[in-house]
Protein backbone atom coordinates (compact mmCIF):
# COMPACT_ATOMS: atom_id res chain seq x y z
CA MET A 1 205.40 387.48 161.60
CA ASN A 2 208.04 384.83 162.37
CA ILE A 3 207.29 384.04 166.06
CA LYS A 4 210.59 382.50 166.76
CA GLU A 5 212.74 385.09 164.91
CA SER A 6 210.90 387.98 166.85
CA ILE A 7 211.51 386.58 170.20
CA MET A 8 215.35 385.85 169.40
CA SER A 9 215.74 389.12 168.32
CA ILE A 10 214.67 390.82 171.18
CA MET A 11 217.00 388.30 173.15
CA GLU A 12 219.63 389.54 171.03
CA LYS A 13 218.87 393.52 171.50
CA TYR A 14 218.76 393.01 175.37
CA GLY A 15 221.56 390.57 175.59
CA LEU A 16 219.47 387.54 177.04
CA ASN A 17 222.25 385.11 176.48
CA ILE A 18 223.66 382.55 178.57
CA SER A 19 226.66 383.77 180.77
CA GLY A 20 229.82 381.46 181.39
CA LYS A 21 230.31 378.12 180.48
CA LEU A 22 227.66 376.40 178.13
CA TYR A 23 225.76 373.17 179.38
CA GLU A 24 226.61 371.56 176.38
CA THR A 25 230.13 372.88 176.79
CA SER A 26 230.71 371.04 179.92
CA ILE A 27 229.05 367.89 178.96
CA LYS A 28 232.07 367.59 175.87
CA GLU A 29 234.69 368.58 178.31
CA GLU A 30 233.62 366.10 180.75
CA ILE A 31 233.70 363.35 177.82
CA VAL A 32 237.28 364.34 177.28
CA LYS A 33 238.39 364.23 180.48
CA ILE A 34 236.70 360.20 180.61
CA LEU A 35 238.45 359.36 177.51
CA ASN A 36 242.09 360.98 177.94
CA GLN A 37 241.98 358.72 181.09
CA ILE A 38 242.12 355.65 179.65
CA PRO A 39 245.38 354.54 179.91
CA LYS A 40 247.50 354.19 176.53
CA ASN A 41 248.06 350.63 176.96
CA LYS A 42 244.76 349.38 176.68
CA ILE A 43 243.11 347.87 173.53
CA VAL A 44 240.55 350.18 172.89
CA ALA A 45 237.38 349.41 170.92
CA ILE A 46 233.93 351.72 169.64
CA ARG A 47 230.85 350.07 169.15
CA GLY A 48 229.33 351.78 166.68
CA ALA A 49 230.43 353.63 163.33
CA GLY A 50 227.68 356.29 163.09
CA TYR A 51 227.12 359.70 163.64
CA HIS A 52 227.35 359.52 167.35
CA THR A 53 231.21 358.18 166.39
CA GLU A 54 231.76 361.00 163.90
CA GLU A 55 230.86 363.30 167.02
CA LEU A 56 232.80 361.78 169.55
CA LEU A 57 235.99 361.55 167.61
CA SER A 58 235.57 365.41 166.53
CA ILE A 59 235.51 366.75 170.32
CA GLU A 60 238.42 369.24 170.60
CA GLY A 61 241.02 367.96 173.09
CA CYS A 62 240.10 364.21 172.91
CA THR A 63 243.43 362.21 172.41
CA LEU A 64 241.73 358.65 172.48
CA GLN A 65 243.67 355.87 170.81
CA PHE A 66 241.50 353.16 169.96
CA LYS A 67 242.30 349.88 167.53
CA TYR A 68 239.09 349.06 166.52
CA ILE A 69 235.53 349.99 165.75
CA PHE A 70 232.48 347.19 165.22
CA ASP A 71 229.32 348.33 163.48
CA TYR A 72 226.00 346.16 163.31
CA SER A 73 225.81 347.23 159.57
CA ARG A 74 228.95 345.75 158.68
CA GLN A 75 228.70 342.06 157.12
CA GLU A 76 232.86 342.32 156.70
CA LYS A 77 235.24 344.31 157.67
CA GLY A 78 235.66 347.77 155.30
CA ILE A 79 236.67 351.20 155.22
CA VAL A 80 234.25 353.88 156.32
CA GLU A 81 234.86 357.55 156.35
CA ILE A 82 234.30 358.85 159.93
CA ALA A 83 235.00 362.65 160.66
CA GLY A 84 237.23 363.09 158.22
CA LYS A 85 239.28 359.85 158.39
CA GLU A 86 239.24 356.48 156.39
CA LEU A 87 238.88 354.03 159.26
CA GLU A 88 238.78 350.13 159.47
CA VAL A 89 235.37 348.81 160.51
CA TYR A 90 234.76 345.23 161.66
CA PRO A 91 231.14 343.57 161.87
CA CYS A 92 230.17 342.78 165.31
CA SER A 93 230.76 339.12 164.66
CA MET A 94 234.13 339.54 164.94
CA ILE A 95 234.18 340.93 168.61
CA ASP A 96 234.96 337.56 170.12
CA GLN A 97 237.90 337.02 168.25
CA LEU A 98 239.79 340.17 168.95
CA ASP A 99 241.34 341.21 172.07
CA ILE A 100 239.81 344.03 173.46
CA ASP A 101 240.66 345.39 176.98
CA ILE A 102 237.76 348.29 176.83
CA MET A 103 234.40 348.77 174.49
CA ILE A 104 233.41 352.09 174.33
CA ILE A 105 229.54 352.26 173.51
CA SER A 106 229.42 355.11 170.97
CA SER A 107 225.31 355.50 171.23
CA TYR A 108 222.87 356.67 173.11
CA ALA A 109 219.67 355.52 171.56
CA HIS A 110 220.48 351.98 171.52
CA ARG A 111 222.96 351.60 174.22
CA LYS A 112 221.00 349.71 176.40
CA LYS A 113 220.29 347.33 174.14
CA ILE A 114 224.11 347.31 173.01
CA ARG A 115 225.16 346.93 176.46
CA ASP A 116 223.48 343.56 176.60
CA GLU A 117 224.95 342.47 173.44
CA LEU A 118 228.37 342.71 174.82
CA GLU A 119 228.01 341.27 178.32
CA LYS A 120 227.25 338.06 176.28
CA SER A 121 230.36 338.08 174.71
CA GLN A 122 232.25 335.31 175.22
CA LYS A 123 235.49 337.80 175.57
CA LYS A 124 235.78 339.74 179.01
CA PHE A 125 236.73 343.41 178.82
CA ILE A 126 235.25 346.57 180.30
CA ILE A 127 232.23 348.10 178.90
CA LEU A 128 232.49 351.85 178.98
CA ASP A 129 228.78 353.79 178.59
CA LEU A 130 229.71 357.61 178.41
CA TYR A 131 226.17 358.17 179.61
CA ASP A 132 226.46 356.17 182.88
CA GLU A 133 229.90 358.03 183.53
CA LEU A 134 228.65 361.36 182.79
CA ARG A 135 225.56 360.78 185.52
CA LYS A 136 228.19 359.70 187.92
CA SER A 137 229.87 363.17 187.34
CA GLY A 138 226.87 364.56 188.16
CA LEU A 139 225.47 365.45 184.40
CA ASP A 140 222.27 363.93 183.53
CA VAL A 141 222.30 363.73 180.09
CA ASN A 142 219.10 362.17 178.51
CA THR A 143 220.00 362.31 174.90
CA HIS A 144 222.78 362.19 172.23
CA PHE A 145 225.66 364.45 173.86
CA TYR A 146 226.14 366.43 170.97
CA ARG A 147 222.31 367.68 171.22
CA ASN A 148 221.81 368.95 174.51
CA ALA A 149 221.74 372.74 173.54
CA GLU A 150 219.21 375.12 174.54
CA ASP A 151 215.93 373.94 173.38
CA THR A 152 216.37 370.63 176.01
CA TYR A 153 214.80 370.68 179.53
CA GLU A 154 218.38 369.24 180.33
CA ASN A 155 219.63 372.39 179.91
CA VAL A 156 216.92 374.39 181.92
CA ILE A 157 217.43 371.95 184.98
CA TYR A 158 221.11 372.36 184.78
CA TYR A 159 220.44 376.10 185.16
CA ARG A 160 218.02 375.56 187.56
CA LYS A 161 220.36 373.41 189.85
CA LYS A 162 222.73 376.15 190.11
CA TYR A 163 220.41 378.78 190.78
CA LEU A 164 219.01 376.71 193.60
CA ALA A 165 222.41 375.99 194.91
CA ASP A 166 223.45 379.65 194.81
CA SER A 167 220.70 382.26 193.77
CA ASN A 168 222.82 385.32 192.61
CA ASP A 169 222.03 387.28 189.34
CA ILE A 170 224.36 385.60 187.09
CA ASN A 171 222.64 382.39 187.93
CA LEU A 172 219.22 384.08 188.09
CA LYS A 173 219.64 385.71 184.78
CA ASN A 174 221.08 382.18 183.36
CA LEU A 175 217.82 380.31 184.12
CA LEU A 176 215.49 383.06 182.86
CA VAL A 177 217.27 382.78 179.45
CA SER A 178 217.34 379.25 179.54
CA TYR A 179 213.26 379.41 179.79
CA LEU A 180 212.84 381.63 177.25
CA ASN A 181 214.97 379.38 174.77
CA ILE A 182 212.19 377.19 175.28
CA PHE A 183 209.31 379.45 174.77
CA ASP A 184 207.94 378.98 178.61
CA PHE A 185 206.68 381.96 179.11
CA ILE A 186 205.45 381.62 182.41
CA ASN A 187 208.95 380.70 184.20
CA PHE A 188 210.37 383.34 182.12
CA LYS A 189 208.30 385.83 183.40
CA LYS A 190 208.16 384.77 187.02
CA PHE A 191 211.73 384.59 187.26
CA ALA A 192 212.55 387.52 185.28
CA ASN A 193 210.11 389.52 187.81
CA LYS A 194 212.58 388.25 190.70
CA TYR A 195 215.69 389.75 188.54
CA ILE A 196 213.92 393.24 188.11
CA LEU A 197 212.77 392.88 191.95
CA CYS A 198 216.19 392.89 192.90
CA LYS A 199 217.21 395.24 190.66
CA TYR A 200 220.17 393.35 189.39
CA PRO A 201 222.64 394.60 186.64
CA GLY A 202 221.12 395.38 183.57
CA TYR A 203 217.30 394.60 185.14
CA LYS A 204 215.71 397.62 183.06
CA ASP A 205 216.91 395.91 179.87
CA ILE A 206 214.86 392.97 181.14
CA GLN A 207 211.76 394.85 181.79
CA MET A 208 211.85 396.17 178.37
CA ALA A 209 212.40 392.58 176.86
CA ILE A 210 209.30 391.47 179.01
CA GLU A 211 207.32 394.65 177.94
CA GLU A 212 208.29 393.66 174.02
CA ILE A 213 207.76 390.23 174.23
CA VAL A 214 203.92 390.95 175.82
CA GLN A 215 203.47 393.16 172.90
CA ILE A 216 204.19 390.37 170.58
CA LEU A 217 202.32 387.53 172.23
CA ASP A 218 199.42 390.18 172.84
CA ASN A 219 199.59 390.88 169.10
CA ILE A 220 199.42 387.39 168.25
CA LYS A 221 196.73 386.51 170.36
CA THR A 222 194.55 389.54 168.87
CA ARG A 223 194.94 388.00 165.24
CA LEU A 224 194.30 384.64 166.15
CA LYS A 225 191.20 385.33 168.03
CA LYS A 226 189.81 387.34 164.96
CA ARG A 227 190.72 383.95 162.60
CA LYS A 228 187.27 383.21 161.40
CA GLN A 229 188.00 379.86 159.88
CA ARG A 230 186.67 376.74 162.05
CA ASP A 231 189.94 375.18 162.96
CA ILE A 232 190.01 371.82 164.27
CA ILE A 233 192.98 371.28 166.89
CA THR A 234 194.27 367.52 168.29
CA VAL A 235 196.12 367.79 171.30
CA TRP A 236 197.80 364.03 171.64
CA ASN A 237 199.13 363.67 174.49
CA ASP A 238 201.31 360.32 174.23
CA GLN A 239 201.05 357.40 177.11
CA LEU A 240 198.74 359.58 179.18
CA ASP A 241 196.37 357.23 181.23
CA TYR A 242 192.65 357.69 181.76
CA SER A 243 193.33 357.94 185.26
CA TRP A 244 196.30 360.27 184.99
CA LEU A 245 193.73 363.37 183.63
CA GLN A 246 193.22 364.17 187.49
CA TYR A 247 197.15 365.15 187.85
CA ALA A 248 196.26 367.77 184.80
CA PRO A 249 193.73 370.71 186.09
CA TYR A 250 193.16 372.42 183.14
CA MET A 251 192.47 369.53 180.57
CA TYR A 252 190.01 367.78 183.83
CA LYS A 253 188.22 371.82 184.12
CA LEU A 254 187.56 371.35 179.96
CA SER A 255 186.50 367.94 180.15
CA ARG A 256 183.85 368.52 182.81
CA ASN A 257 182.22 370.64 180.10
CA SER A 258 182.72 368.48 176.79
CA MET A 259 181.57 365.56 174.66
CA PHE A 260 183.64 363.11 176.89
CA PHE A 261 184.28 359.67 175.70
CA GLU A 262 184.11 357.80 179.20
CA ASN A 263 185.02 354.67 177.57
CA ALA A 264 187.71 355.19 175.14
CA TYR A 265 190.20 352.58 174.14
CA THR A 266 193.29 352.31 171.77
CA MET A 267 193.39 348.88 169.39
CA THR A 268 196.73 348.78 170.14
CA PRO A 269 199.22 350.37 173.37
CA PHE A 270 202.22 351.52 171.50
CA THR A 271 202.40 355.19 169.64
CA VAL A 272 203.34 354.02 165.82
CA PRO A 273 200.94 351.18 165.62
CA THR A 274 198.25 353.69 167.16
CA PHE A 275 199.20 355.88 164.08
CA LEU A 276 198.56 353.54 161.57
CA GLU A 277 195.66 352.55 163.28
CA MET A 278 194.10 356.04 163.02
CA PHE A 279 195.33 357.11 159.57
CA LEU A 280 195.42 353.84 157.54
CA GLY A 281 193.20 351.55 159.23
CA MET A 282 196.07 348.66 160.03
CA LYS A 283 195.64 346.28 162.53
CA PRO A 284 199.35 345.14 164.41
CA ILE A 285 198.58 341.21 163.74
CA ASP A 286 196.13 341.69 160.66
CA ASN A 287 197.95 343.63 158.78
CA GLU A 288 201.52 342.41 159.97
CA ILE A 289 203.03 346.02 160.21
CA TYR A 290 205.99 344.82 162.18
CA HIS A 291 207.32 342.78 159.18
CA LYS A 292 205.78 344.07 156.23
CA PRO A 293 206.15 347.66 154.60
CA PHE A 294 203.70 350.18 155.11
CA PRO A 295 203.24 353.34 153.43
CA VAL A 296 203.96 357.00 154.36
CA ILE A 297 200.58 358.60 155.23
CA SER A 298 199.14 360.92 152.52
CA SER A 299 195.92 361.81 151.28
CA PHE A 300 196.63 359.18 148.58
CA ASN A 301 196.54 355.99 151.19
CA SER A 302 194.76 357.72 154.37
CA ASN A 303 191.13 358.14 153.84
CA MET A 304 190.88 360.38 156.83
CA VAL A 305 193.50 362.64 155.21
CA LYS A 306 192.12 363.05 152.14
CA GLU A 307 188.42 363.37 153.83
CA ILE A 308 190.18 366.50 155.79
CA GLU A 309 191.12 367.58 152.36
CA ASP A 310 188.61 367.48 150.68
CA SER A 311 186.49 369.31 153.12
CA GLY A 312 188.80 372.44 152.66
CA TYR A 313 190.93 371.64 155.71
CA LYS A 314 194.67 371.94 155.34
CA PHE A 315 196.16 368.71 157.45
CA ILE A 316 199.30 369.49 159.52
CA TYR A 317 201.08 367.12 161.81
CA ILE A 318 203.04 368.75 164.49
CA GLY A 319 205.53 366.29 166.33
CA ASP A 320 208.92 364.37 166.75
CA GLU A 321 211.66 363.41 164.34
CA GLY A 322 210.63 359.96 164.66
CA ASP A 323 206.98 360.03 164.14
CA SER A 324 207.27 362.44 161.73
CA LYS A 325 208.73 360.26 159.51
CA LEU A 326 205.45 358.38 158.93
CA PHE A 327 204.09 361.29 156.84
CA GLU A 328 204.39 362.72 153.71
CA LYS A 329 206.86 365.80 154.34
CA GLU A 330 204.39 368.32 153.26
CA TYR A 331 202.17 367.65 156.08
CA VAL A 332 204.85 367.86 158.78
CA VAL A 333 206.27 370.52 161.13
CA THR A 334 209.08 368.34 162.71
CA ASN A 335 210.62 369.44 166.35
CA TYR A 336 213.39 367.82 167.82
CA THR A 337 212.46 364.65 169.72
CA TYR A 338 213.91 365.71 173.21
CA SER A 339 213.10 369.57 173.02
CA SER A 340 210.04 371.01 175.09
CA SER A 341 206.83 370.53 173.98
CA CYS A 342 206.11 374.67 173.92
CA PHE A 343 208.35 374.22 170.71
CA GLY A 344 205.03 372.30 169.19
CA CYS A 345 203.05 375.31 170.47
CA ILE A 346 204.94 377.79 168.83
CA SER A 347 204.71 376.12 165.76
CA LEU A 348 200.89 375.61 166.32
CA LEU A 349 200.81 379.13 166.57
CA GLN A 350 202.68 379.94 163.62
CA LYS A 351 200.87 377.55 161.47
CA LEU A 352 197.85 379.46 162.16
CA LEU A 353 199.15 382.90 161.36
CA ASN A 354 200.13 381.87 158.22
CA THR A 355 197.43 379.61 156.54
CA GLU A 356 194.37 381.07 155.32
CA GLU A 357 192.15 377.94 154.77
CA PRO A 358 190.85 376.25 158.13
CA VAL A 359 193.51 373.82 159.45
CA PHE A 360 193.03 370.44 161.01
CA VAL A 361 196.24 369.94 163.27
CA ILE A 362 197.65 367.05 165.38
CA LEU A 363 199.72 368.38 167.82
CA HIS A 364 201.70 365.33 169.10
CA VAL A 365 203.12 365.59 172.52
CA SER A 366 205.77 363.15 174.17
CA GLU A 367 208.25 364.69 176.29
CA GLU A 368 206.62 365.80 179.32
CA THR A 369 203.45 362.81 179.37
CA HIS A 370 205.97 359.74 178.20
CA ASN A 371 208.93 358.73 179.58
CA PRO A 372 211.50 359.89 180.31
CA TYR A 373 208.95 362.39 181.93
CA MET A 374 210.91 365.42 181.66
CA SER A 375 209.76 369.29 182.10
CA GLY A 376 210.84 372.41 183.03
CA GLU A 377 210.12 372.65 186.87
CA LEU A 378 211.98 369.61 188.04
CA ASP A 379 214.95 369.58 190.17
CA ASP A 380 216.82 366.68 188.68
CA ALA A 381 217.11 365.81 185.04
CA LYS A 382 216.34 361.89 185.83
CA TYR A 383 215.70 359.81 183.10
CA TYR A 384 213.01 357.64 184.00
CA GLU A 385 212.32 354.61 181.49
CA TRP A 386 210.38 351.66 182.38
CA PRO A 387 210.93 348.91 183.30
CA ARG A 388 214.07 350.04 185.56
CA PHE A 389 213.96 353.60 186.21
CA GLY A 390 217.43 354.11 186.73
CA GLY A 391 217.55 352.09 189.93
CA ASP A 392 215.02 354.15 191.46
CA PRO A 393 211.75 352.76 192.81
CA GLU A 394 208.97 353.32 190.54
CA GLU A 395 206.96 355.52 192.80
CA LYS A 396 209.97 357.97 192.41
CA ALA A 397 209.21 357.74 188.92
CA LEU A 398 205.54 358.13 188.96
CA GLU A 399 206.35 361.69 191.16
CA GLN A 400 208.44 363.08 188.40
CA ARG A 401 205.65 362.00 185.83
CA LYS A 402 203.11 363.61 187.60
CA LYS A 403 205.31 366.70 188.15
CA SER A 404 205.74 366.92 184.41
CA VAL A 405 202.16 366.37 183.38
CA ARG A 406 201.30 369.33 186.00
CA TYR A 407 203.99 371.13 184.24
CA TRP A 408 202.57 370.59 180.64
CA ASP A 409 199.12 371.29 181.58
CA LYS A 410 199.82 374.65 182.48
CA GLN A 411 201.82 375.36 179.04
CA LEU A 412 199.11 374.04 177.45
CA GLU A 413 196.33 376.17 179.18
CA PHE A 414 198.66 379.22 178.42
CA TYR A 415 199.31 378.47 174.43
CA MET A 416 195.63 377.07 174.15
CA ASP A 417 194.39 380.82 175.65
CA PHE A 418 195.50 382.14 171.89
CA ILE A 419 193.31 379.97 169.87
CA SER A 420 189.84 381.51 168.57
CA ASP A 421 186.75 380.38 170.09
CA ARG A 422 185.33 379.32 166.98
CA SER A 423 187.68 376.38 167.00
CA ILE A 424 187.19 372.89 167.96
CA ARG A 425 189.29 371.23 170.08
CA ILE A 426 190.05 367.08 170.77
CA PHE A 427 192.33 366.18 173.66
CA MET A 428 193.50 362.97 173.91
CA SER A 429 196.20 360.16 174.44
CA ASP A 430 197.05 357.02 172.67
CA HIS A 431 197.48 354.44 175.34
CA GLY A 432 198.45 354.10 179.29
CA ALA A 433 201.88 353.25 180.82
CA ARG A 434 202.96 350.25 181.39
CA TYR A 435 203.10 348.82 184.76
CA ASN A 436 205.11 346.15 186.25
CA PHE A 437 203.77 342.83 184.82
CA GLN A 438 200.12 343.84 184.32
CA PRO A 439 199.62 342.53 180.40
CA ILE A 440 199.25 345.29 177.97
CA TYR A 441 195.53 344.16 177.10
CA LYS A 442 194.53 345.45 180.31
CA GLU A 443 192.71 348.51 181.59
CA PRO A 444 196.03 350.70 182.46
CA SER A 445 197.61 350.34 178.76
CA THR A 446 194.30 350.62 176.62
CA HIS A 447 192.00 353.31 178.37
CA ILE A 448 192.51 356.49 176.57
CA ILE A 449 191.48 360.16 177.69
CA PHE A 450 188.95 361.58 174.51
CA PHE A 451 187.37 364.45 174.48
CA ILE A 452 185.85 367.24 172.47
CA THR A 453 185.09 370.77 173.04
CA GLY A 454 184.55 373.88 171.38
CA ALA A 455 181.92 376.10 169.39
CA GLY A 456 178.81 373.84 169.15
CA VAL A 457 179.88 370.69 170.94
CA SER A 458 177.69 369.54 173.26
CA ASP A 459 178.20 369.05 177.08
CA ILE A 460 177.53 365.19 177.23
CA ARG A 461 179.02 362.03 178.77
CA CYS A 462 179.17 359.32 176.65
CA SER A 463 179.24 355.86 177.87
CA LYS A 464 179.29 353.53 174.91
CA LEU A 465 182.64 352.15 173.53
CA PHE A 466 184.91 354.22 171.06
CA SER A 467 188.09 352.52 169.43
CA LEU A 468 190.69 354.74 168.38
CA TYR A 469 190.40 352.74 164.96
CA ASN A 470 187.42 355.16 164.42
CA PHE A 471 189.15 358.24 164.66
CA HIS A 472 188.21 358.98 161.15
CA LYS A 473 184.74 358.95 162.23
CA VAL A 474 185.04 361.44 164.54
CA ALA A 475 187.46 363.38 162.34
CA LYS A 476 184.30 363.12 159.79
CA CYS A 477 181.64 364.62 162.60
CA VAL A 478 183.42 367.25 163.69
CA ILE A 479 184.13 368.51 160.13
CA ASN A 480 180.29 368.56 159.17
CA ASN A 481 179.59 369.53 162.64
CA ASN A 482 177.26 366.80 162.85
CA TYR A 483 177.99 364.40 166.11
CA ASN A 484 176.33 360.87 165.33
CA GLU A 485 176.78 358.94 168.09
CA GLU A 486 175.37 355.64 166.56
CA GLU A 487 178.38 356.20 163.96
CA ILE A 488 180.94 356.93 166.46
CA PHE A 489 180.17 354.05 169.23
CA SER A 490 179.75 350.72 169.38
CA ASP A 491 178.91 347.98 171.82
CA TYR A 492 182.68 346.28 171.67
CA VAL A 493 186.62 347.62 170.56
CA LEU A 494 188.83 345.02 169.41
CA ILE A 495 192.35 345.12 170.82
CA GLN A 496 195.08 343.20 169.41
CA GLU A 497 198.86 343.19 169.44
CA THR A 498 202.25 341.01 169.00
CA SER A 499 204.08 342.44 171.99
CA ILE A 500 207.47 342.30 170.20
CA PHE A 501 207.95 346.17 169.27
CA ASN A 502 209.84 346.64 172.66
CA LYS A 503 212.81 344.50 172.99
CA THR A 504 213.53 345.89 176.23
CA ALA A 505 210.11 345.03 177.63
CA ILE A 506 210.29 341.40 176.39
CA GLN A 507 213.67 340.69 178.27
CA TYR A 508 212.58 342.32 181.31
CA TYR A 509 209.10 339.66 181.14
CA PHE A 510 211.78 336.90 180.69
CA GLU A 511 214.27 338.20 183.44
CA ASN A 512 211.16 337.83 186.05
CA ASN A 513 209.47 334.98 184.70
CA ALA A 514 206.42 336.82 183.18
CA ILE A 515 206.86 335.08 179.71
CA GLU A 516 203.19 335.45 179.10
CA CYS A 517 203.14 339.05 179.16
CA SER A 518 205.35 338.68 175.98
CA TYR A 519 202.80 337.17 174.02
CA GLY A 520 200.95 338.06 171.14
CA PHE A 521 197.21 338.63 171.89
CA ARG A 522 193.66 339.51 170.43
CA ALA A 523 190.88 340.79 172.51
CA VAL A 524 187.42 342.31 172.98
CA ARG A 525 185.97 344.30 175.44
CA THR A 526 182.88 345.40 176.12
CA LYS A 527 181.12 347.42 178.61
CA GLU A 528 180.55 344.14 180.98
CA GLU A 529 183.56 341.86 180.12
CA LEU A 530 186.94 341.49 178.28
CA TYR A 531 187.99 338.39 176.39
CA VAL A 532 191.61 337.52 175.47
CA LYS A 533 193.09 334.93 173.29
CA LEU A 534 196.79 334.19 173.46
CA SER A 535 199.28 333.41 170.60
CA SER A 536 200.25 330.58 173.21
CA GLY A 537 196.52 329.26 173.07
CA LYS A 538 195.45 330.24 176.40
CA LYS A 539 192.17 332.07 176.78
CA TYR A 540 190.92 334.40 179.80
CA TYR A 541 187.17 335.85 180.30
CA TYR A 542 186.83 338.81 182.72
CA LEU A 543 183.70 339.95 184.50
CA LEU A 544 184.73 343.89 184.83
CA PRO A 545 185.49 345.42 187.03
CA ASP A 546 187.44 342.86 187.61
CA GLU A 547 190.63 342.03 185.42
CA GLU A 548 192.19 339.26 187.72
CA LEU A 549 189.64 336.55 187.90
CA ASN A 550 189.73 334.75 184.79
CA CYS A 551 185.49 333.06 184.55
CA ILE A 552 186.10 331.16 181.34
CA GLU A 553 185.10 328.15 183.08
CA GLN A 554 181.85 329.64 184.11
CA ALA A 555 181.00 331.65 181.14
CA ASP A 556 178.42 330.97 178.51
CA PRO A 557 179.29 328.95 175.49
CA GLY A 558 177.36 330.86 173.33
CA ARG A 559 178.79 333.92 174.69
CA LEU A 560 182.39 332.95 174.23
CA LYS A 561 181.76 331.55 171.11
CA TRP A 562 180.89 334.94 169.70
CA LEU A 563 183.63 336.96 171.47
CA ASP A 564 185.90 334.36 169.91
CA GLY A 565 184.98 335.08 166.29
CA LEU A 566 185.36 338.83 167.12
CA ALA A 567 188.51 338.62 168.34
CA GLY A 568 189.55 336.22 165.45
CA ASP A 569 192.31 333.52 164.98
CA THR A 570 195.29 334.68 162.90
CA PHE A 571 198.75 334.89 165.16
CA GLU A 572 201.98 334.65 162.93
CA ASP A 573 204.87 332.96 163.55
CA LEU A 574 207.12 336.03 164.16
CA SER A 575 210.52 333.99 164.37
CA LYS A 576 210.39 333.64 160.58
CA TYR A 577 210.78 337.52 160.10
CA ASN A 578 213.96 338.30 162.94
CA GLU A 579 215.42 340.79 160.38
CA GLU A 580 212.61 342.90 159.59
CA ILE A 581 211.14 343.14 162.98
CA GLU A 582 214.72 344.51 164.18
CA SER A 583 214.88 347.01 161.64
CA PHE A 584 210.97 348.20 162.59
CA ARG A 585 212.73 348.61 166.43
CA LYS A 586 215.62 350.43 164.92
CA GLN A 587 213.30 352.90 163.33
CA PHE A 588 210.99 353.30 166.05
CA GLU A 589 211.20 351.56 169.32
CA THR A 590 213.56 354.43 170.81
CA HIS A 591 210.34 356.64 170.16
CA GLU A 592 208.16 354.27 172.18
């Protein structure tokens, strides 16, 4: 059975499709309007010569006349084929040498960085950010304009807003269809039942569609509940702080009857370095990950993946396009970065249906728990990204985050109900969020959620320290069904970062005279203390839980020497590797 095709077949059978103008069409029509309003006597340039520009120049009805295209990849002027035409593309270094009236930013992922660069230009011109202009027109577009399709939350929220403004039959049907498009069966059924109750046109078809969908889901559940394999499923909730478990009632309830790690910490509060930490045993500073190439994760270089496979398990990673690049393709089920995490859940169920051997799955969730904090029950598609939150106060961003975490928690409960009681489930996060000028080695950014539940797992609260660097030890214990606490836990955890991964964060620190927050650091955390050594040479010693008062002057010299030895001494001169670091950022920064 192919789950997606089965649902789509029912949708086609009963005419469950969007009526009227599609959201994606509305976006493209508004872009055409914005571009066609530019006076013909203005000298227009485009910043960016990639796929975004190709899509931009291919929009039907666009009559934009431009003179220049600039791209960072060009070292000198040259001809590039874009949208079926051979166009001259200039290096960005030539921007200050040419007369320009309007510069169009043709990128979504890097638009803020491009704006910052353009604002520093010696020449003065109007900077046109299409996504800012779309937002002014009431279209909150939080990804590439050509990719706001049926599988995004923006699509759902667009129809949700229309329904809330006018709860007629067409808007209600569009809303319930948009929920089904993202495999949110909870809200699909809720709004479909409203449609049936009102006896709107075609309500009997919708009733039959519900019955057939329920039948398919019941069939899947029956098959998976009978599954005899002892599957291991890790639900990786990206950027979900330890303290935020309270906003996820389902996970919180599970955590009360689990092997719960009270003091689990990440070595690095960023996602990509955490993958390298867990799967390759690499440390951000010690292994110079930001400027030295690292291998694609496979059983040939990852002891954890090899041990999983040697134990008879099939390893599977289900995640977004960016982080999936870290693994060999054979292990990966890729979903669009900005789509609902319900797609990942469907992929999980599909893999379980199709796989004979036991599976060890990493289900990586980010759209709801990580900025932009999007989900299917929001009334506004506001993209929230630290540190500026789109001009809104941080409190408003946190409220949206709470709603999105709760939404994901409900979806997770729905989908986990399909899984066999023989399975083992690991629930974790990789790091917490950043807050204001809080250094990222402190509690909110490094203290993570981690607990194990399932057949044969003891109900116990573990207070010793655990580092995600030792995730492979947990995997081994779970596979062998032997939870050796002495092997998993330790008396201290090491934390280190260079703090250069996210350029936006560094700029924010500099603008607000919080430069120290951008320094590299090496830290050691025990249950009672936190010792930190900055790349500037400054050192901190905190007596926990107080992480504000530096007690280094009063600390025992012998204790400090021991902690200092654990932390290590090496700090690189990263200024030597600007090109390599920028290359790393271009690949992964927008996924952080």
